Amino acid sequence: MVNHIIIYSHGFGVKYDDRGLFTDIAAAFSDTEHIMFNYNDIDEANNTMTARPFDKQAQILTEVFEKVRHDNSTATIDLICHSQGCITAALAELDVRRTIFLTPPMRVFSPDSDIFIKYPATTDEDGTMHWPRRDGTTTIIGPDYWQSSSQLGGGIVELYNRLAQLTKLSVIGAGQDEILGPVDYAKIDKNIGVALVDEADHNFKGESRTELIGRIEKIIT
């Protein structure tokens, strides 16, 4: 019988393991079942992934959760989310015991965001973007994704605060986030626990990952 399950909600333009972040976290909980899955449409042959719109991602997460709950009716279920995966989880509004957000964005990004100046993409006539990534893959971002992003507008904080009414929500930010830059969590609900790993980058690489896992262990156990 499974007593404890962690479901993972990965970030933008990565696979289910969030470039090793989630697998490293999972390794610290050997007596727990870990559920990881892809939001993106993966094309291994062409080394591309197509970003699905937020509503589709939330639907995928909800379906995963409902199957896990159906198959494990008495298990404790927690949710760990990274970056954009936090927005997806807030949209899905899952009734789990605890939810942990890692480097959650406080706003959605758009085709004219600074990230595309720093890391340029090419754009088709229909607005589809092809964004080369540092790992050698290309992320394809279609108009449906940008439409779903624009519909969220500035309501990200409200989504997070509403989620905190359903689950015990904790936020762990990164002091040296090269993707989001400095993030102000002052507007989120006072009942949401907020911690900062001072020397961490967006993905908690290097020694900061050990500190991150230690913080997660204190929250989960």
C-alpha atoms as a PDB file:
ATOM      1  CA  MET A   1       0.000   0.000   0.000  1.00  0.00           C
ATOM      2  CA  VAL A   2       1.302   3.447  -0.952  1.00  0.00           C
ATOM      3  CA  ASN A   3       1.151   5.918   1.922  1.00  0.00           C
ATOM      4  CA  HIS A   4       2.726   9.026   0.386  1.00  0.00           C
ATOM      5  CA  ILE A   5       2.733  10.297  -3.197  1.00  0.00           C
ATOM      6  CA  ILE A   6       4.346  13.426  -4.658  1.00  0.00           C
ATOM      7  CA  ILE A   7       3.102  14.741  -8.001  1.00  0.00           C
ATOM      8  CA  TYR A   8       5.434  17.094  -9.904  1.00  0.00           C
ATOM      9  CA  SER A   9       4.473  20.024 -12.150  1.00  0.00           C
ATOM     10  CA  HIS A  10       7.427  21.027 -14.347  1.00  0.00           C
ATOM     11  CA  GLY A  11       8.390  24.371 -15.815  1.00  0.00           C
ATOM     12  CA  PHE A  12       8.355  25.856 -19.295  1.00  0.00           C
ATOM     13  CA  GLY A  13      10.123  24.148 -22.194  1.00  0.00           C
ATOM     14  CA  VAL A  14      11.485  21.177 -20.242  1.00  0.00           C
ATOM     15  CA  LYS A  15      10.589  17.520 -19.870  1.00  0.00           C
ATOM     16  CA  TYR A  16       8.952  15.755 -16.934  1.00  0.00           C
ATOM     17  CA  ASP A  17      12.123  15.680 -14.797  1.00  0.00           C
ATOM     18  CA  ASP A  18      12.702  19.444 -15.059  1.00  0.00           C
ATOM     19  CA  ARG A  19      16.301  18.917 -16.202  1.00  0.00           C
ATOM     20  CA  GLY A  20      17.102  16.739 -13.197  1.00  0.00           C
ATOM     21  CA  LEU A  21      15.671  19.013 -10.512  1.00  0.00           C
ATOM     22  CA  PHE A  22      12.716  16.738  -9.818  1.00  0.00           C
ATOM     23  CA  THR A  23      14.715  13.506  -9.929  1.00  0.00           C
ATOM     24  CA  ASP A  24      17.154  14.909  -7.376  1.00  0.00           C
ATOM     25  CA  ILE A  25      14.273  15.880  -5.097  1.00  0.00           C
ATOM     26  CA  ALA A  26      12.658  12.465  -5.524  1.00  0.00           C
ATOM     27  CA  ALA A  27      15.882  10.701  -4.534  1.00  0.00           C
ATOM     28  CA  ALA A  28      15.584  12.268  -1.065  1.00  0.00           C
ATOM     29  CA  PHE A  29      12.233  10.540  -0.461  1.00  0.00           C
ATOM     30  CA  SER A  30      12.905   6.847  -1.014  1.00  0.00           C
ATOM     31  CA  ASP A  31       9.735   5.689   0.762  1.00  0.00           C
ATOM     32  CA  THR A  32       7.501   7.897  -1.413  1.00  0.00           C
ATOM     33  CA  GLU A  33       5.967   7.266  -4.833  1.00  0.00           C
ATOM     34  CA  HIS A  34       6.838   9.979  -7.357  1.00  0.00           C
ATOM     35  CA  ILE A  35       4.645  10.921 -10.331  1.00  0.00           C
ATOM     36  CA  MET A  36       6.275  12.875 -13.184  1.00  0.00           C
ATOM     37  CA  PHE A  37       4.844  13.531 -16.647  1.00  0.00           C
ATOM     38  CA  ASN A  38       5.154  15.868 -19.642  1.00  0.00           C
ATOM     39  CA  TYR A  39       3.016  18.914 -20.363  1.00  0.00           C
ATOM     40  CA  ASN A  40       4.741  19.560 -23.681  1.00  0.00           C
ATOM     41  CA  ASP A  41       4.271  17.704 -26.946  1.00  0.00           C
ATOM     42  CA  ILE A  42       7.670  16.028 -27.396  1.00  0.00           C
ATOM     43  CA  ASP A  43       9.096  15.249 -30.842  1.00  0.00           C
ATOM     44  CA  GLU A  44      12.232  13.214 -30.172  1.00  0.00           C
ATOM     45  CA  ALA A  45      13.044  12.778 -33.866  1.00  0.00           C
ATOM     46  CA  ASN A  46      13.309  16.536 -34.472  1.00  0.00           C
ATOM     47  CA  ASN A  47      14.526  17.382 -30.951  1.00  0.00           C
ATOM     48  CA  THR A  48      11.632  19.789 -30.390  1.00  0.00           C
ATOM     49  CA  MET A  49       8.903  20.300 -27.833  1.00  0.00           C
ATOM     50  CA  THR A  50       5.738  22.276 -28.396  1.00  0.00           C
ATOM     51  CA  ALA A  51       4.418  24.265 -25.451  1.00  0.00           C
ATOM     52  CA  ARG A  52       0.775  23.495 -24.753  1.00  0.00           C
ATOM     53  CA  PRO A  53      -1.523  26.330 -23.614  1.00  0.00           C
ATOM     54  CA  PHE A  54      -2.178  26.794 -19.900  1.00  0.00           C
ATOM     55  CA  ASP A  55      -5.713  25.421 -19.950  1.00  0.00           C
ATOM     56  CA  LYS A  56      -4.500  22.201 -21.579  1.00  0.00           C
ATOM     57  CA  GLN A  57      -1.670  21.894 -19.052  1.00  0.00           C
ATOM     58  CA  ALA A  58      -4.114  22.337 -16.174  1.00  0.00           C
ATOM     59  CA  GLN A  59      -6.341  19.666 -17.704  1.00  0.00           C
ATOM     60  CA  ILE A  60      -3.406  17.246 -17.943  1.00  0.00           C
ATOM     61  CA  LEU A  61      -2.436  17.865 -14.314  1.00  0.00           C
ATOM     62  CA  THR A  62      -6.027  17.402 -13.146  1.00  0.00           C
ATOM     63  CA  GLU A  63      -6.334  14.107 -15.019  1.00  0.00           C
ATOM     64  CA  VAL A  64      -3.067  12.841 -13.513  1.00  0.00           C
ATOM     65  CA  PHE A  65      -4.216  13.806 -10.016  1.00  0.00           C
ATOM     66  CA  GLU A  66      -7.647  12.218 -10.409  1.00  0.00           C
ATOM     67  CA  LYS A  67      -6.125   8.916 -11.558  1.00  0.00           C
ATOM     68  CA  VAL A  68      -3.593   8.934  -8.708  1.00  0.00           C
ATOM     69  CA  ARG A  69      -6.337   9.658  -6.175  1.00  0.00           C
ATOM     70  CA  HIS A  70      -8.620   6.989  -7.656  1.00  0.00           C
ATOM     71  CA  ASP A  71      -5.878   4.370  -7.509  1.00  0.00           C
ATOM     72  CA  ASN A  72      -4.648   5.400  -4.027  1.00  0.00           C
ATOM     73  CA  SER A  73      -7.704   6.531  -2.089  1.00  0.00           C
ATOM     74  CA  THR A  74      -6.009   6.555   1.330  1.00  0.00           C
ATOM     75  CA  ALA A  75      -2.596   7.953   0.360  1.00  0.00           C
ATOM     76  CA  THR A  76      -1.314  11.389   1.328  1.00  0.00           C
ATOM     77  CA  ILE A  77      -0.691  13.406  -1.850  1.00  0.00           C
ATOM     78  CA  ASP A  78       1.618  16.415  -2.086  1.00  0.00           C
ATOM     79  CA  LEU A  79       2.484  18.577  -5.089  1.00  0.00           C
ATOM     80  CA  ILE A  80       5.856  20.110  -6.015  1.00  0.00           C
ATOM     81  CA  CYS A  81       5.889  22.691  -8.804  1.00  0.00           C
ATOM     82  CA  HIS A  82       8.665  24.619 -10.507  1.00  0.00           C
ATOM     83  CA  SER A  83       8.495  27.959 -12.319  1.00  0.00           C
ATOM     84  CA  GLN A  84       5.629  28.013 -14.831  1.00  0.00           C
ATOM     85  CA  GLY A  85       4.395  24.728 -13.376  1.00  0.00           C
ATOM     86  CA  CYS A  86       3.271  26.782 -10.374  1.00  0.00           C
ATOM     87  CA  ILE A  87       0.845  28.742 -12.557  1.00  0.00           C
ATOM     88  CA  THR A  88      -0.502  25.504 -14.003  1.00  0.00           C
ATOM     89  CA  ALA A  89      -1.052  24.081 -10.524  1.00  0.00           C
ATOM     90  CA  ALA A  90      -2.813  27.262  -9.407  1.00  0.00           C
ATOM     91  CA  LEU A  91      -5.189  26.941 -12.365  1.00  0.00           C
ATOM     92  CA  ALA A  92      -5.880  23.271 -11.620  1.00  0.00           C
ATOM     93  CA  GLU A  93      -6.708  23.976  -7.945  1.00  0.00           C
ATOM     94  CA  LEU A  94      -5.970  20.472  -6.676  1.00  0.00           C
ATOM     95  CA  ASP A  95      -7.089  19.485  -3.197  1.00  0.00           C
ATOM     96  CA  VAL A  96      -3.787  18.003  -1.981  1.00  0.00           C
ATOM     97  CA  ARG A  97      -2.249  18.118   1.492  1.00  0.00           C
ATOM     98  CA  ARG A  98       0.714  20.357   0.708  1.00  0.00           C
ATOM     99  CA  THR A  99       1.863  22.257  -2.356  1.00  0.00           C
ATOM    100  CA  ILE A 100       5.386  23.619  -2.766  1.00  0.00           C
ATOM    101  CA  PHE A 101       6.181  26.287  -5.339  1.00  0.00           C
ATOM    102  CA  LEU A 102       9.811  26.594  -6.468  1.00  0.00           C
ATOM    103  CA  THR A 103      10.719  29.962  -8.057  1.00  0.00           C
ATOM    104  CA  PRO A 104       7.122  30.787  -9.003  1.00  0.00           C
ATOM    105  CA  PRO A 105       6.701  33.647 -11.488  1.00  0.00           C
ATOM    106  CA  MET A 106       4.501  36.527 -10.393  1.00  0.00           C
ATOM    107  CA  ARG A 107       3.554  37.341 -13.977  1.00  0.00           C
ATOM    108  CA  VAL A 108       3.382  35.521 -17.293  1.00  0.00           C
ATOM    109  CA  PHE A 109       5.846  36.311 -20.050  1.00  0.00           C
ATOM    110  CA  SER A 110       4.974  37.463 -23.554  1.00  0.00           C
ATOM    111  CA  PRO A 111       6.638  37.417 -26.999  1.00  0.00           C
ATOM    112  CA  ASP A 112       8.296  40.751 -26.222  1.00  0.00           C
ATOM    113  CA  SER A 113       9.682  39.694 -22.825  1.00  0.00           C
ATOM    114  CA  ASP A 114      13.328  40.391 -22.027  1.00  0.00           C
ATOM    115  CA  ILE A 115      14.110  36.662 -22.065  1.00  0.00           C
ATOM    116  CA  PHE A 116      13.700  36.653 -25.870  1.00  0.00           C
ATOM    117  CA  ILE A 117      16.148  39.537 -26.164  1.00  0.00           C
ATOM    118  CA  LYS A 118      18.691  37.668 -24.071  1.00  0.00           C
ATOM    119  CA  TYR A 119      17.978  34.355 -25.815  1.00  0.00           C
ATOM    120  CA  PRO A 120      16.537  35.200 -29.296  1.00  0.00           C
ATOM    121  CA  ALA A 121      13.904  33.138 -31.115  1.00  0.00           C
ATOM    122  CA  THR A 122      12.730  33.079 -34.728  1.00  0.00           C
ATOM    123  CA  THR A 123       9.069  33.750 -35.528  1.00  0.00           C
ATOM    124  CA  ASP A 124       6.901  32.421 -38.380  1.00  0.00           C
ATOM    125  CA  GLU A 125       4.319  34.519 -40.204  1.00  0.00           C
ATOM    126  CA  ASP A 126       1.510  33.077 -38.053  1.00  0.00           C
ATOM    127  CA  GLY A 127       3.305  34.109 -34.862  1.00  0.00           C
ATOM    128  CA  THR A 128       4.726  30.691 -33.980  1.00  0.00           C
ATOM    129  CA  MET A 129       8.084  31.076 -32.235  1.00  0.00           C
ATOM    130  CA  HIS A 130      10.994  28.631 -32.455  1.00  0.00           C
ATOM    131  CA  TRP A 131      13.216  29.108 -29.433  1.00  0.00           C
ATOM    132  CA  PRO A 132      16.627  27.341 -29.352  1.00  0.00           C
ATOM    133  CA  ARG A 133      17.511  26.179 -25.845  1.00  0.00           C
ATOM    134  CA  ARG A 134      20.867  25.682 -24.186  1.00  0.00           C
ATOM    135  CA  ASP A 135      20.346  21.904 -23.992  1.00  0.00           C
ATOM    136  CA  GLY A 136      20.151  21.653 -27.787  1.00  0.00           C
ATOM    137  CA  THR A 137      16.374  21.349 -28.041  1.00  0.00           C
ATOM    138  CA  THR A 138      14.009  23.847 -29.644  1.00  0.00           C
ATOM    139  CA  THR A 139      10.827  24.964 -27.909  1.00  0.00           C
ATOM    140  CA  ILE A 140       7.950  25.763 -30.265  1.00  0.00           C
ATOM    141  CA  ILE A 141       5.507  28.341 -28.911  1.00  0.00           C
ATOM    142  CA  GLY A 142       2.314  28.706 -30.914  1.00  0.00           C
ATOM    143  CA  PRO A 143      -0.394  31.399 -30.909  1.00  0.00           C
ATOM    144  CA  ASP A 144      -2.626  29.207 -28.718  1.00  0.00           C
ATOM    145  CA  TYR A 145      -0.033  29.336 -25.944  1.00  0.00           C
ATOM    146  CA  TRP A 146       0.264  33.136 -26.133  1.00  0.00           C
ATOM    147  CA  GLN A 147      -3.511  33.477 -26.148  1.00  0.00           C
ATOM    148  CA  SER A 148      -3.821  31.380 -22.983  1.00  0.00           C
ATOM    149  CA  SER A 149      -1.008  33.394 -21.403  1.00  0.00           C
ATOM    150  CA  SER A 150      -2.604  36.753 -22.209  1.00  0.00           C
ATOM    151  CA  GLN A 151      -5.915  35.604 -20.733  1.00  0.00           C
ATOM    152  CA  LEU A 152      -4.217  35.234 -17.357  1.00  0.00           C
ATOM    153  CA  GLY A 153      -3.111  38.853 -17.455  1.00  0.00           C
ATOM    154  CA  GLY A 154      -2.029  40.158 -14.061  1.00  0.00           C
ATOM    155  CA  GLY A 155      -4.087  37.674 -12.091  1.00  0.00           C
ATOM    156  CA  ILE A 156      -1.262  35.347 -11.058  1.00  0.00           C
ATOM    157  CA  VAL A 157      -1.160  36.544  -7.441  1.00  0.00           C
ATOM    158  CA  GLU A 158      -4.903  36.017  -7.102  1.00  0.00           C
ATOM    159  CA  LEU A 159      -4.537  32.476  -8.430  1.00  0.00           C
ATOM    160  CA  TYR A 160      -1.843  31.692  -5.869  1.00  0.00           C
ATOM    161  CA  ASN A 161      -3.851  33.173  -3.018  1.00  0.00           C
ATOM    162  CA  ARG A 162      -6.949  31.214  -4.014  1.00  0.00           C
ATOM    163  CA  LEU A 163      -4.953  27.994  -4.161  1.00  0.00           C
ATOM    164  CA  ALA A 164      -3.747  28.625  -0.612  1.00  0.00           C
ATOM    165  CA  GLN A 165      -7.364  28.228   0.523  1.00  0.00           C
ATOM    166  CA  LEU A 166      -7.364  24.613  -0.697  1.00  0.00           C
ATOM    167  CA  THR A 167      -3.893  23.387   0.248  1.00  0.00           C
ATOM    168  CA  LYS A 168      -1.054  24.292   2.582  1.00  0.00           C
ATOM    169  CA  LEU A 169       1.051  26.327   0.158  1.00  0.00           C
ATOM    170  CA  SER A 170       4.765  27.078   0.579  1.00  0.00           C
ATOM    171  CA  VAL A 171       7.018  29.136  -1.700  1.00  0.00           C
ATOM    172  CA  ILE A 172      10.783  28.706  -2.061  1.00  0.00           C
ATOM    173  CA  GLY A 173      12.423  31.435  -4.116  1.00  0.00           C
ATOM    174  CA  ALA A 174      15.938  31.915  -5.482  1.00  0.00           C
ATOM    175  CA  GLY A 175      18.090  34.879  -4.532  1.00  0.00           C
ATOM    176  CA  GLN A 176      20.060  34.839  -7.807  1.00  0.00           C
ATOM    177  CA  ASP A 177      17.256  34.014 -10.251  1.00  0.00           C
ATOM    178  CA  GLU A 178      18.683  34.728 -13.714  1.00  0.00           C
ATOM    179  CA  ILE A 179      15.353  33.961 -15.429  1.00  0.00           C
ATOM    180  CA  LEU A 180      12.799  35.850 -13.347  1.00  0.00           C
ATOM    181  CA  GLY A 181      15.146  38.377 -11.794  1.00  0.00           C
ATOM    182  CA  PRO A 182      14.264  39.813  -8.359  1.00  0.00           C
ATOM    183  CA  VAL A 183      10.783  38.635  -7.356  1.00  0.00           C
ATOM    184  CA  ASP A 184       8.577  40.453  -4.855  1.00  0.00           C
ATOM    185  CA  TYR A 185       6.319  38.063  -2.948  1.00  0.00           C
ATOM    186  CA  ALA A 186       4.847  40.790  -0.744  1.00  0.00           C
ATOM    187  CA  LYS A 187       1.394  40.605  -2.329  1.00  0.00           C
ATOM    188  CA  ILE A 188       0.795  36.913  -1.743  1.00  0.00           C
ATOM    189  CA  ASP A 189      -1.374  35.768   1.156  1.00  0.00           C
ATOM    190  CA  LYS A 190       0.257  35.979   4.589  1.00  0.00           C
ATOM    191  CA  ASN A 191      -0.673  32.329   5.208  1.00  0.00           C
ATOM    192  CA  ILE A 192       1.638  31.220   2.385  1.00  0.00           C
ATOM    193  CA  GLY A 193       5.025  30.329   3.809  1.00  0.00           C
ATOM    194  CA  VAL A 194       7.852  32.026   1.891  1.00  0.00           C
ATOM    195  CA  ALA A 195      11.556  31.143   2.078  1.00  0.00           C
ATOM    196  CA  LEU A 196      14.544  32.183  -0.024  1.00  0.00           C
ATOM    197  CA  VAL A 197      17.662  30.223  -0.961  1.00  0.00           C
ATOM    198  CA  ASP A 198      19.984  33.220  -1.207  1.00  0.00           C
ATOM    199  CA  GLU A 199      22.648  31.868  -3.561  1.00  0.00           C
ATOM    200  CA  ALA A 200      20.338  29.821  -5.788  1.00  0.00           C
ATOM    201  CA  ASP A 201      19.711  30.369  -9.475  1.00  0.00           C
ATOM    202  CA  HIS A 202      16.354  29.647 -11.100  1.00  0.00           C
ATOM    203  CA  ASN A 203      16.964  25.886 -11.213  1.00  0.00           C
ATOM    204  CA  PHE A 204      18.750  25.563  -7.849  1.00  0.00           C
ATOM    205  CA  LYS A 205      21.910  24.192  -9.413  1.00  0.00           C
ATOM    206  CA  GLY A 206      25.052  23.299  -7.484  1.00  0.00           C
ATOM    207  CA  GLU A 207      25.209  23.491  -3.701  1.00  0.00           C
ATOM    208  CA  SER A 208      21.910  25.364  -3.515  1.00  0.00           C
ATOM    209  CA  ARG A 209      20.079  22.200  -4.563  1.00  0.00           C
ATOM    210  CA  THR A 210      21.151  20.483  -1.360  1.00  0.00           C
ATOM    211  CA  GLU A 211      19.797  23.406   0.650  1.00  0.00           C
ATOM    212  CA  LEU A 212      16.585  23.320  -1.366  1.00  0.00           C
ATOM    213  CA  ILE A 213      16.032  19.619  -0.703  1.00  0.00           C
ATOM    214  CA  GLY A 214      16.617  20.180   2.991  1.00  0.00           C
ATOM    215  CA  ARG A 215      13.937  22.880   3.024  1.00  0.00           C
ATOM    216  CA  ILE A 216      11.515  20.609   1.156  1.00  0.00           C
ATOM    217  CA  GLU A 217      12.125  17.799   3.640  1.00  0.00           C
ATOM    218  CA  LYS A 218      11.158  20.100   6.512  1.00  0.00           C
ATOM    219  CA  ILE A 219       7.932  21.047   4.765  1.00  0.00           C
ATOM    220  CA  ILE A 220       6.899  17.581   3.573  1.00  0.00           C
ATOM    221  CA  THR A 221       7.777  15.477   6.613  1.00  0.00           C
END
